[in-house]
Amino acid sequence: MKLPKRRRALKNKLVFKLKSRENNPNPIYKARIVVKGYHQKKGIDFEEILSQVVKMTSIRAILVLAAKLDLEIEQLDVKRAFLHGDLEEEIYIEQLEGFAALGNEHLMCRLKKNVYGLKQAPRQWYKKFELFMTQHKFEMTSAMKDLGAVKKILGMKIIQDRSKTML
């Protein structure tokens, strides 16, 4: 669509990632569109954001307790979580480089759903998730993927040797 007056389009890019899996020599090739959200301006492109982070000291404390008390540590994941949030703001992005519609390179794309990189993506996903869970009286962990015993947390490789009560 044409970019409305007094609106601006955010830049974006394709991000490629090669993921290796345990016990499988074949890598997984992934690609996703990422908006350059650092160009967003508060009050224009977003109103509120949510940035939930965990401190490394908290993770270390949990790992020490698990080792000392001989506890198992499990982890959960929600695949493509941010992509499920609905946008409240009017956000436009440029057409993806190399994929612009011939003859219509001047047109922009209006986002209706979150895209990685948007500042409001975590908040919008959490709002939708929380609403669904409370409406249906689910426990929050029931919609998450159980990844089994913890192997990696924020880039730290975790190996548990229960015979030596250590992580």
N, C-alpha and C. Protein backbone atom coordinates (compact mmCIF):
# COMPACT_ATOMS: atom_id res chain seq x y z
N MET A 1 0.84 -1.18 0.00
CA MET A 1 0.00 0.00 0.00
C MET A 1 0.88 1.24 0.00
N LYS A 2 0.28 2.37 -0.37
CA LYS A 2 1.02 3.63 -0.31
C LYS A 2 1.19 4.03 1.14
N LEU A 3 2.31 4.62 1.44
CA LEU A 3 2.58 5.07 2.80
C LEU A 3 1.74 6.31 3.10
N PRO A 4 0.88 6.25 4.12
CA PRO A 4 0.06 7.43 4.46
C PRO A 4 0.94 8.62 4.85
N LYS A 5 0.39 9.82 4.65
CA LYS A 5 1.11 11.04 5.04
C LYS A 5 1.39 11.02 6.53
N ARG A 6 2.49 11.58 6.91
CA ARG A 6 2.95 11.68 8.31
C ARG A 6 3.28 10.31 8.92
N ARG A 7 3.45 9.31 8.08
CA ARG A 7 3.87 7.98 8.56
C ARG A 7 5.23 7.69 7.95
N ARG A 8 5.95 6.78 8.52
CA ARG A 8 7.23 6.38 7.97
C ARG A 8 7.33 4.87 8.00
N ALA A 9 8.13 4.36 7.11
CA ALA A 9 8.29 2.91 7.02
C ALA A 9 9.61 2.52 7.67
N LEU A 10 9.57 1.45 8.43
CA LEU A 10 10.78 0.94 9.08
C LEU A 10 11.53 0.04 8.12
N LYS A 11 12.82 0.06 8.24
CA LYS A 11 13.66 -0.83 7.44
C LYS A 11 13.66 -2.21 8.06
N ASN A 12 14.01 -3.22 7.26
CA ASN A 12 14.03 -4.59 7.73
C ASN A 12 15.11 -5.35 6.99
N LYS A 13 15.34 -6.56 7.41
CA LYS A 13 16.32 -7.40 6.72
C LYS A 13 16.00 -8.87 6.98
N LEU A 14 16.53 -9.72 6.13
CA LEU A 14 16.43 -11.15 6.33
C LEU A 14 17.62 -11.59 7.17
N VAL A 15 17.36 -12.39 8.19
CA VAL A 15 18.43 -12.93 9.03
C VAL A 15 18.46 -14.43 8.83
N PHE A 16 19.62 -14.94 8.49
CA PHE A 16 19.79 -16.37 8.25
C PHE A 16 20.53 -16.98 9.42
N LYS A 17 20.14 -18.20 9.78
CA LYS A 17 20.78 -18.88 10.90
C LYS A 17 20.93 -20.36 10.56
N LEU A 18 22.04 -20.90 10.95
CA LEU A 18 22.31 -22.32 10.77
C LEU A 18 22.33 -22.94 12.16
N LYS A 19 21.37 -23.82 12.44
CA LYS A 19 21.28 -24.44 13.76
C LYS A 19 21.68 -25.90 13.67
N SER A 20 22.54 -26.29 14.60
CA SER A 20 22.89 -27.71 14.67
C SER A 20 22.12 -28.34 15.82
N ARG A 21 21.82 -29.62 15.65
CA ARG A 21 21.05 -30.33 16.67
C ARG A 21 21.90 -31.45 17.24
N GLU A 22 21.68 -31.72 18.52
CA GLU A 22 22.36 -32.84 19.16
C GLU A 22 21.95 -34.14 18.50
N ASN A 23 22.89 -35.04 18.33
CA ASN A 23 22.65 -36.37 17.76
C ASN A 23 22.12 -36.35 16.32
N ASN A 24 22.32 -35.23 15.61
CA ASN A 24 21.90 -35.15 14.22
C ASN A 24 22.92 -34.31 13.46
N PRO A 25 23.62 -34.91 12.51
CA PRO A 25 24.67 -34.17 11.80
C PRO A 25 24.14 -33.15 10.80
N ASN A 26 22.87 -33.27 10.41
CA ASN A 26 22.30 -32.36 9.42
C ASN A 26 21.83 -31.06 10.07
N PRO A 27 22.39 -29.92 9.64
CA PRO A 27 21.97 -28.64 10.24
C PRO A 27 20.60 -28.22 9.72
N ILE A 28 19.97 -27.31 10.44
CA ILE A 28 18.70 -26.73 10.04
C ILE A 28 18.98 -25.31 9.56
N TYR A 29 18.49 -24.99 8.35
CA TYR A 29 18.67 -23.66 7.81
C TYR A 29 17.41 -22.86 8.12
N LYS A 30 17.58 -21.69 8.74
CA LYS A 30 16.43 -20.87 9.11
C LYS A 30 16.61 -19.46 8.56
N ALA A 31 15.50 -18.82 8.22
CA ALA A 31 15.50 -17.43 7.78
C ALA A 31 14.28 -16.75 8.39
N ARG A 32 14.46 -15.49 8.77
CA ARG A 32 13.32 -14.75 9.29
C ARG A 32 13.49 -13.27 8.99
N ILE A 33 12.37 -12.59 8.88
CA ILE A 33 12.38 -11.14 8.65
C ILE A 33 12.51 -10.47 10.01
N VAL A 34 13.43 -9.54 10.09
CA VAL A 34 13.64 -8.78 11.33
C VAL A 34 13.53 -7.30 11.00
N VAL A 35 12.68 -6.60 11.74
CA VAL A 35 12.53 -5.16 11.58
C VAL A 35 13.63 -4.47 12.37
N LYS A 36 14.17 -3.43 11.82
CA LYS A 36 15.20 -2.66 12.52
C LYS A 36 14.50 -1.74 13.52
N GLY A 37 14.09 -2.34 14.63
CA GLY A 37 13.28 -1.65 15.64
C GLY A 37 13.98 -0.51 16.35
N TYR A 38 15.30 -0.44 16.24
CA TYR A 38 16.01 0.67 16.90
C TYR A 38 15.69 2.01 16.24
N HIS A 39 15.01 2.00 15.09
CA HIS A 39 14.57 3.24 14.45
C HIS A 39 13.19 3.68 14.93
N GLN A 40 12.53 2.84 15.74
CA GLN A 40 11.19 3.19 16.22
C GLN A 40 11.25 4.35 17.20
N LYS A 41 10.20 5.17 17.18
CA LYS A 41 10.12 6.30 18.09
C LYS A 41 8.89 6.16 18.98
N LYS A 42 9.11 6.36 20.28
CA LYS A 42 8.01 6.24 21.24
C LYS A 42 6.95 7.30 20.93
N GLY A 43 5.69 6.90 21.01
CA GLY A 43 4.59 7.80 20.72
C GLY A 43 4.19 7.80 19.26
N ILE A 44 5.08 7.31 18.39
CA ILE A 44 4.78 7.24 16.96
C ILE A 44 4.62 5.78 16.55
N ASP A 45 5.65 4.99 16.81
CA ASP A 45 5.65 3.59 16.41
C ASP A 45 5.25 2.63 17.53
N PHE A 46 5.31 3.08 18.77
CA PHE A 46 4.91 2.24 19.90
C PHE A 46 4.60 3.13 21.09
N GLU A 47 3.84 2.58 22.03
CA GLU A 47 3.50 3.30 23.27
C GLU A 47 4.23 2.69 24.46
N GLU A 48 4.07 1.39 24.63
CA GLU A 48 4.68 0.71 25.78
C GLU A 48 5.46 -0.50 25.31
N ILE A 49 6.48 -0.84 26.10
CA ILE A 49 7.25 -2.04 25.81
C ILE A 49 7.37 -2.87 27.08
N LEU A 50 7.79 -4.10 26.93
CA LEU A 50 8.01 -5.00 28.05
C LEU A 50 9.32 -5.71 27.79
N SER A 51 10.19 -5.69 28.76
CA SER A 51 11.48 -6.34 28.58
C SER A 51 11.79 -7.18 29.81
N GLN A 52 11.35 -8.42 29.76
CA GLN A 52 11.60 -9.32 30.87
C GLN A 52 12.98 -9.95 30.69
N VAL A 53 13.83 -9.76 31.67
CA VAL A 53 15.17 -10.33 31.60
C VAL A 53 15.47 -11.06 32.91
N VAL A 54 16.41 -11.95 32.83
CA VAL A 54 16.81 -12.69 34.02
C VAL A 54 18.27 -12.35 34.29
N LYS A 55 18.63 -12.24 35.55
CA LYS A 55 20.01 -11.96 35.92
C LYS A 55 20.80 -13.25 35.98
N MET A 56 22.04 -13.19 35.52
CA MET A 56 22.90 -14.37 35.54
C MET A 56 23.11 -14.87 36.98
N THR A 57 23.12 -13.97 37.96
CA THR A 57 23.29 -14.41 39.34
C THR A 57 22.12 -15.28 39.79
N SER A 58 20.92 -14.98 39.28
CA SER A 58 19.75 -15.80 39.61
C SER A 58 19.89 -17.20 39.01
N ILE A 59 20.33 -17.25 37.77
CA ILE A 59 20.51 -18.56 37.11
C ILE A 59 21.58 -19.36 37.85
N ARG A 60 22.68 -18.73 38.19
CA ARG A 60 23.75 -19.43 38.92
C ARG A 60 23.25 -19.98 40.25
N ALA A 61 22.45 -19.18 40.96
CA ALA A 61 21.92 -19.62 42.25
C ALA A 61 21.02 -20.85 42.09
N ILE A 62 20.19 -20.84 41.06
CA ILE A 62 19.31 -21.98 40.81
C ILE A 62 20.12 -23.22 40.45
N LEU A 63 21.16 -23.04 39.64
CA LEU A 63 22.00 -24.17 39.25
C LEU A 63 22.74 -24.75 40.45
N VAL A 64 23.21 -23.91 41.35
CA VAL A 64 23.90 -24.39 42.56
C VAL A 64 22.93 -25.17 43.44
N LEU A 65 21.73 -24.63 43.63
CA LEU A 65 20.72 -25.33 44.44
C LEU A 65 20.36 -26.68 43.83
N ALA A 66 20.20 -26.71 42.51
CA ALA A 66 19.85 -27.97 41.84
C ALA A 66 20.96 -29.00 42.03
N ALA A 67 22.20 -28.55 41.95
CA ALA A 67 23.32 -29.48 42.13
C ALA A 67 23.38 -29.99 43.56
N LYS A 68 23.26 -29.10 44.52
CA LYS A 68 23.35 -29.48 45.94
C LYS A 68 22.19 -30.35 46.39
N LEU A 69 20.99 -30.07 45.88
CA LEU A 69 19.80 -30.81 46.30
C LEU A 69 19.47 -31.97 45.36
N ASP A 70 20.33 -32.22 44.38
CA ASP A 70 20.15 -33.30 43.41
C ASP A 70 18.80 -33.18 42.70
N LEU A 71 18.49 -31.98 42.21
CA LEU A 71 17.24 -31.72 41.49
C LEU A 71 17.48 -31.75 39.99
N GLU A 72 16.45 -32.07 39.25
CA GLU A 72 16.51 -31.99 37.79
C GLU A 72 16.09 -30.60 37.36
N ILE A 73 16.71 -30.11 36.32
CA ILE A 73 16.34 -28.80 35.78
C ILE A 73 15.77 -29.02 34.39
N GLU A 74 14.58 -28.52 34.16
CA GLU A 74 13.91 -28.64 32.86
C GLU A 74 13.77 -27.24 32.28
N GLN A 75 13.55 -27.16 30.97
CA GLN A 75 13.33 -25.87 30.32
C GLN A 75 12.16 -25.97 29.35
N LEU A 76 11.52 -24.84 29.09
CA LEU A 76 10.37 -24.77 28.20
C LEU A 76 10.62 -23.73 27.13
N ASP A 77 9.93 -23.88 26.00
CA ASP A 77 10.07 -22.93 24.91
C ASP A 77 8.73 -22.77 24.21
N VAL A 78 8.45 -21.57 23.77
CA VAL A 78 7.27 -21.32 22.95
C VAL A 78 7.80 -20.91 21.58
N LYS A 79 7.58 -21.76 20.57
CA LYS A 79 8.11 -21.48 19.24
C LYS A 79 7.41 -20.29 18.60
N ARG A 80 8.19 -19.43 18.00
CA ARG A 80 7.71 -18.25 17.27
C ARG A 80 6.73 -17.43 18.10
N ALA A 81 6.99 -17.33 19.38
CA ALA A 81 6.07 -16.66 20.29
C ALA A 81 5.74 -15.23 19.88
N PHE A 82 6.75 -14.46 19.55
CA PHE A 82 6.53 -13.05 19.25
C PHE A 82 5.66 -12.83 18.02
N LEU A 83 5.61 -13.78 17.14
CA LEU A 83 4.87 -13.61 15.90
C LEU A 83 3.36 -13.72 16.09
N HIS A 84 2.92 -14.13 17.26
CA HIS A 84 1.49 -14.30 17.51
C HIS A 84 0.81 -13.07 18.08
N GLY A 85 1.59 -12.07 18.47
CA GLY A 85 0.99 -10.86 19.04
C GLY A 85 0.38 -9.97 17.98
N ASP A 86 -0.79 -9.40 18.27
CA ASP A 86 -1.45 -8.48 17.35
C ASP A 86 -0.94 -7.07 17.61
N LEU A 87 -0.70 -6.32 16.55
CA LEU A 87 -0.23 -4.95 16.70
C LEU A 87 -1.39 -4.00 16.95
N GLU A 88 -1.22 -3.09 17.86
CA GLU A 88 -2.22 -2.05 18.12
C GLU A 88 -1.88 -0.79 17.32
N GLU A 89 -0.59 -0.59 17.06
CA GLU A 89 -0.13 0.59 16.35
C GLU A 89 -0.13 0.34 14.85
N GLU A 90 -0.14 1.44 14.07
CA GLU A 90 -0.02 1.35 12.62
C GLU A 90 1.46 1.34 12.29
N ILE A 91 1.98 0.18 11.88
CA ILE A 91 3.40 0.03 11.57
C ILE A 91 3.55 -0.35 10.10
N TYR A 92 4.41 0.38 9.41
CA TYR A 92 4.70 0.10 8.01
C TYR A 92 6.17 -0.27 7.88
N ILE A 93 6.45 -1.21 6.98
CA ILE A 93 7.83 -1.57 6.69
C ILE A 93 8.05 -1.51 5.18
N GLU A 94 9.31 -1.27 4.81
CA GLU A 94 9.66 -1.31 3.40
C GLU A 94 9.55 -2.75 2.91
N GLN A 95 9.36 -2.92 1.61
CA GLN A 95 9.34 -4.26 1.05
C GLN A 95 10.74 -4.87 1.23
N LEU A 96 10.76 -6.13 1.42
CA LEU A 96 12.02 -6.83 1.65
C LEU A 96 12.92 -6.74 0.42
N GLU A 97 14.17 -6.37 0.67
CA GLU A 97 15.12 -6.22 -0.43
C GLU A 97 15.23 -7.53 -1.22
N GLY A 98 15.10 -7.39 -2.53
CA GLY A 98 15.16 -8.56 -3.40
C GLY A 98 13.81 -9.23 -3.62
N PHE A 99 12.79 -8.81 -2.86
CA PHE A 99 11.47 -9.42 -2.99
C PHE A 99 10.39 -8.37 -3.27
N ALA A 100 10.79 -7.16 -3.65
CA ALA A 100 9.83 -6.09 -3.93
C ALA A 100 9.04 -6.44 -5.19
N ALA A 101 7.76 -6.12 -5.15
CA ALA A 101 6.88 -6.38 -6.30
C ALA A 101 7.30 -5.49 -7.47
N LEU A 102 7.59 -6.11 -8.62
CA LEU A 102 8.05 -5.37 -9.80
C LEU A 102 7.04 -4.30 -10.20
N GLY A 103 7.53 -3.10 -10.40
CA GLY A 103 6.67 -1.98 -10.76
C GLY A 103 6.02 -1.31 -9.56
N ASN A 104 6.11 -1.94 -8.40
CA ASN A 104 5.50 -1.39 -7.18
C ASN A 104 6.53 -1.27 -6.05
N GLU A 105 7.78 -1.03 -6.42
CA GLU A 105 8.85 -0.94 -5.42
C GLU A 105 8.64 0.20 -4.43
N HIS A 106 7.84 1.20 -4.81
CA HIS A 106 7.58 2.36 -3.96
C HIS A 106 6.53 2.07 -2.87
N LEU A 107 5.83 0.96 -2.96
CA LEU A 107 4.79 0.63 -1.98
C LEU A 107 5.40 0.05 -0.71
N MET A 108 4.67 0.15 0.39
CA MET A 108 5.11 -0.35 1.69
C MET A 108 4.18 -1.46 2.17
N CYS A 109 4.59 -2.16 3.19
CA CYS A 109 3.78 -3.22 3.79
C CYS A 109 3.29 -2.74 5.16
N ARG A 110 2.01 -2.92 5.43
CA ARG A 110 1.48 -2.60 6.76
C ARG A 110 1.43 -3.89 7.56
N LEU A 111 2.03 -3.84 8.74
CA LEU A 111 2.06 -5.01 9.61
C LEU A 111 0.78 -5.10 10.43
N LYS A 112 0.25 -6.29 10.51
CA LYS A 112 -0.91 -6.54 11.39
C LYS A 112 -0.50 -7.39 12.58
N LYS A 113 0.59 -8.14 12.41
CA LYS A 113 1.12 -9.00 13.47
C LYS A 113 2.55 -8.57 13.78
N ASN A 114 3.02 -9.02 14.91
CA ASN A 114 4.40 -8.74 15.31
C ASN A 114 5.40 -9.34 14.35
N VAL A 115 6.55 -8.71 14.30
CA VAL A 115 7.71 -9.21 13.57
C VAL A 115 8.88 -9.07 14.53
N TYR A 116 9.84 -9.98 14.45
CA TYR A 116 11.01 -9.87 15.31
C TYR A 116 11.66 -8.51 15.11
N GLY A 117 12.09 -7.92 16.20
CA GLY A 117 12.78 -6.64 16.15
C GLY A 117 11.93 -5.48 16.60
N LEU A 118 10.61 -5.60 16.55
CA LEU A 118 9.74 -4.51 17.01
C LEU A 118 9.85 -4.38 18.52
N LYS A 119 9.92 -3.16 18.99
CA LYS A 119 10.08 -2.93 20.43
C LYS A 119 8.88 -3.43 21.22
N GLN A 120 7.70 -3.38 20.63
CA GLN A 120 6.49 -3.78 21.35
C GLN A 120 6.19 -5.27 21.21
N ALA A 121 6.98 -6.03 20.46
CA ALA A 121 6.70 -7.44 20.22
C ALA A 121 6.55 -8.27 21.51
N PRO A 122 7.49 -8.16 22.47
CA PRO A 122 7.32 -8.97 23.69
C PRO A 122 6.05 -8.64 24.45
N ARG A 123 5.73 -7.36 24.54
CA ARG A 123 4.54 -6.93 25.29
C ARG A 123 3.26 -7.40 24.61
N GLN A 124 3.18 -7.25 23.29
CA GLN A 124 1.97 -7.64 22.57
C GLN A 124 1.74 -9.15 22.65
N TRP A 125 2.82 -9.92 22.54
CA TRP A 125 2.67 -11.37 22.66
C TRP A 125 2.21 -11.73 24.07
N TYR A 126 2.81 -11.15 25.07
CA TYR A 126 2.45 -11.48 26.44
C TYR A 126 0.99 -11.12 26.73
N LYS A 127 0.53 -9.98 26.22
CA LYS A 127 -0.87 -9.59 26.42
C LYS A 127 -1.82 -10.63 25.83
N LYS A 128 -1.52 -11.07 24.62
CA LYS A 128 -2.38 -12.05 23.95
C LYS A 128 -2.34 -13.39 24.69
N PHE A 129 -1.17 -13.79 25.06
CA PHE A 129 -0.98 -15.06 25.78
C PHE A 129 -1.71 -15.04 27.12
N GLU A 130 -1.51 -13.98 27.87
CA GLU A 130 -2.15 -13.85 29.19
C GLU A 130 -3.67 -13.84 29.07
N LEU A 131 -4.21 -13.13 28.09
CA LEU A 131 -5.66 -13.08 27.88
C LEU A 131 -6.22 -14.46 27.58
N PHE A 132 -5.57 -15.15 26.67
CA PHE A 132 -6.02 -16.49 26.32
C PHE A 132 -6.00 -17.42 27.53
N MET A 133 -4.91 -17.39 28.26
CA MET A 133 -4.75 -18.30 29.41
C MET A 133 -5.80 -18.02 30.48
N THR A 134 -6.04 -16.77 30.78
CA THR A 134 -7.02 -16.46 31.83
C THR A 134 -8.44 -16.76 31.38
N GLN A 135 -8.74 -16.53 30.10
CA GLN A 135 -10.09 -16.83 29.59
C GLN A 135 -10.40 -18.32 29.61
N HIS A 136 -9.41 -19.14 29.40
CA HIS A 136 -9.62 -20.57 29.31
C HIS A 136 -9.18 -21.34 30.56
N LYS A 137 -8.79 -20.60 31.58
CA LYS A 137 -8.40 -21.19 32.87
C LYS A 137 -7.31 -22.25 32.72
N PHE A 138 -6.35 -21.97 31.81
CA PHE A 138 -5.20 -22.85 31.64
C PHE A 138 -4.12 -22.47 32.63
N GLU A 139 -3.27 -23.44 32.91
CA GLU A 139 -2.04 -23.14 33.63
C GLU A 139 -1.03 -22.72 32.58
N MET A 140 -0.22 -21.74 32.86
CA MET A 140 0.65 -21.16 31.85
C MET A 140 1.60 -22.17 31.19
N THR A 141 2.05 -23.17 31.89
CA THR A 141 3.01 -24.09 31.30
C THR A 141 2.38 -25.08 30.33
N SER A 142 1.06 -25.18 30.29
CA SER A 142 0.43 -26.17 29.43
C SER A 142 0.59 -25.87 27.95
N ALA A 143 0.84 -24.62 27.54
CA ALA A 143 0.98 -24.28 26.13
C ALA A 143 2.44 -24.15 25.72
N MET A 144 3.39 -24.55 26.59
CA MET A 144 4.82 -24.41 26.26
C MET A 144 5.42 -25.74 25.90
N LYS A 145 6.49 -25.70 25.11
CA LYS A 145 7.17 -26.90 24.66
C LYS A 145 8.16 -27.35 25.73
N ASP A 146 8.05 -28.59 26.16
CA ASP A 146 8.97 -29.15 27.15
C ASP A 146 10.24 -29.59 26.44
N LEU A 147 11.34 -28.94 26.75
CA LEU A 147 12.61 -29.24 26.11
C LEU A 147 13.42 -30.30 26.84
N GLY A 148 12.87 -30.82 27.93
CA GLY A 148 13.58 -31.85 28.68
C GLY A 148 14.67 -31.27 29.55
N ALA A 149 15.62 -32.11 29.91
CA ALA A 149 16.70 -31.67 30.79
C ALA A 149 17.44 -30.50 30.17
N VAL A 150 17.78 -29.54 31.01
CA VAL A 150 18.45 -28.32 30.54
C VAL A 150 19.82 -28.66 29.95
N LYS A 151 20.11 -28.04 28.81
CA LYS A 151 21.38 -28.25 28.13
C LYS A 151 22.15 -26.95 27.96
N LYS A 152 21.39 -25.85 27.81
CA LYS A 152 22.00 -24.56 27.55
C LYS A 152 21.09 -23.47 28.07
N ILE A 153 21.66 -22.50 28.80
CA ILE A 153 20.89 -21.35 29.29
C ILE A 153 21.69 -20.10 28.95
N LEU A 154 21.09 -19.23 28.16
CA LEU A 154 21.73 -17.97 27.77
C LEU A 154 23.18 -18.14 27.34
N GLY A 155 23.41 -19.13 26.51
CA GLY A 155 24.75 -19.36 25.99
C GLY A 155 25.67 -20.20 26.87
N MET A 156 25.23 -20.52 28.10
CA MET A 156 26.04 -21.38 28.99
C MET A 156 25.66 -22.83 28.77
N LYS A 157 26.63 -23.68 28.49
CA LYS A 157 26.37 -25.11 28.33
C LYS A 157 26.25 -25.72 29.73
N ILE A 158 25.21 -26.49 29.96
CA ILE A 158 24.94 -27.08 31.27
C ILE A 158 25.11 -28.59 31.17
N ILE A 159 25.98 -29.15 31.99
CA ILE A 159 26.17 -30.60 32.08
C ILE A 159 25.98 -30.97 33.55
N GLN A 160 25.06 -31.87 33.80
CA GLN A 160 24.79 -32.29 35.17
C GLN A 160 25.33 -33.69 35.40
N ASP A 161 26.20 -33.82 36.41
CA ASP A 161 26.74 -35.11 36.82
C ASP A 161 26.16 -35.41 38.20
N ARG A 162 25.05 -36.15 38.23
CA ARG A 162 24.34 -36.38 39.49
C ARG A 162 25.15 -37.27 40.44
N SER A 163 26.05 -38.08 39.92
CA SER A 163 26.87 -38.92 40.80
C SER A 163 27.83 -38.07 41.65
N LYS A 164 28.21 -36.92 41.12
CA LYS A 164 29.12 -36.01 41.84
C LYS A 164 28.38 -34.81 42.41
N THR A 165 27.06 -34.80 42.32
CA THR A 165 26.20 -33.67 42.70
C THR A 165 26.79 -32.35 42.24
N MET A 166 27.02 -32.26 40.94
CA MET A 166 27.52 -31.01 40.38
C MET A 166 26.89 -30.76 39.02
N LEU A 167 26.87 -29.47 38.66
CA LEU A 167 26.39 -29.04 37.34
C LEU A 167 27.58 -28.49 36.58
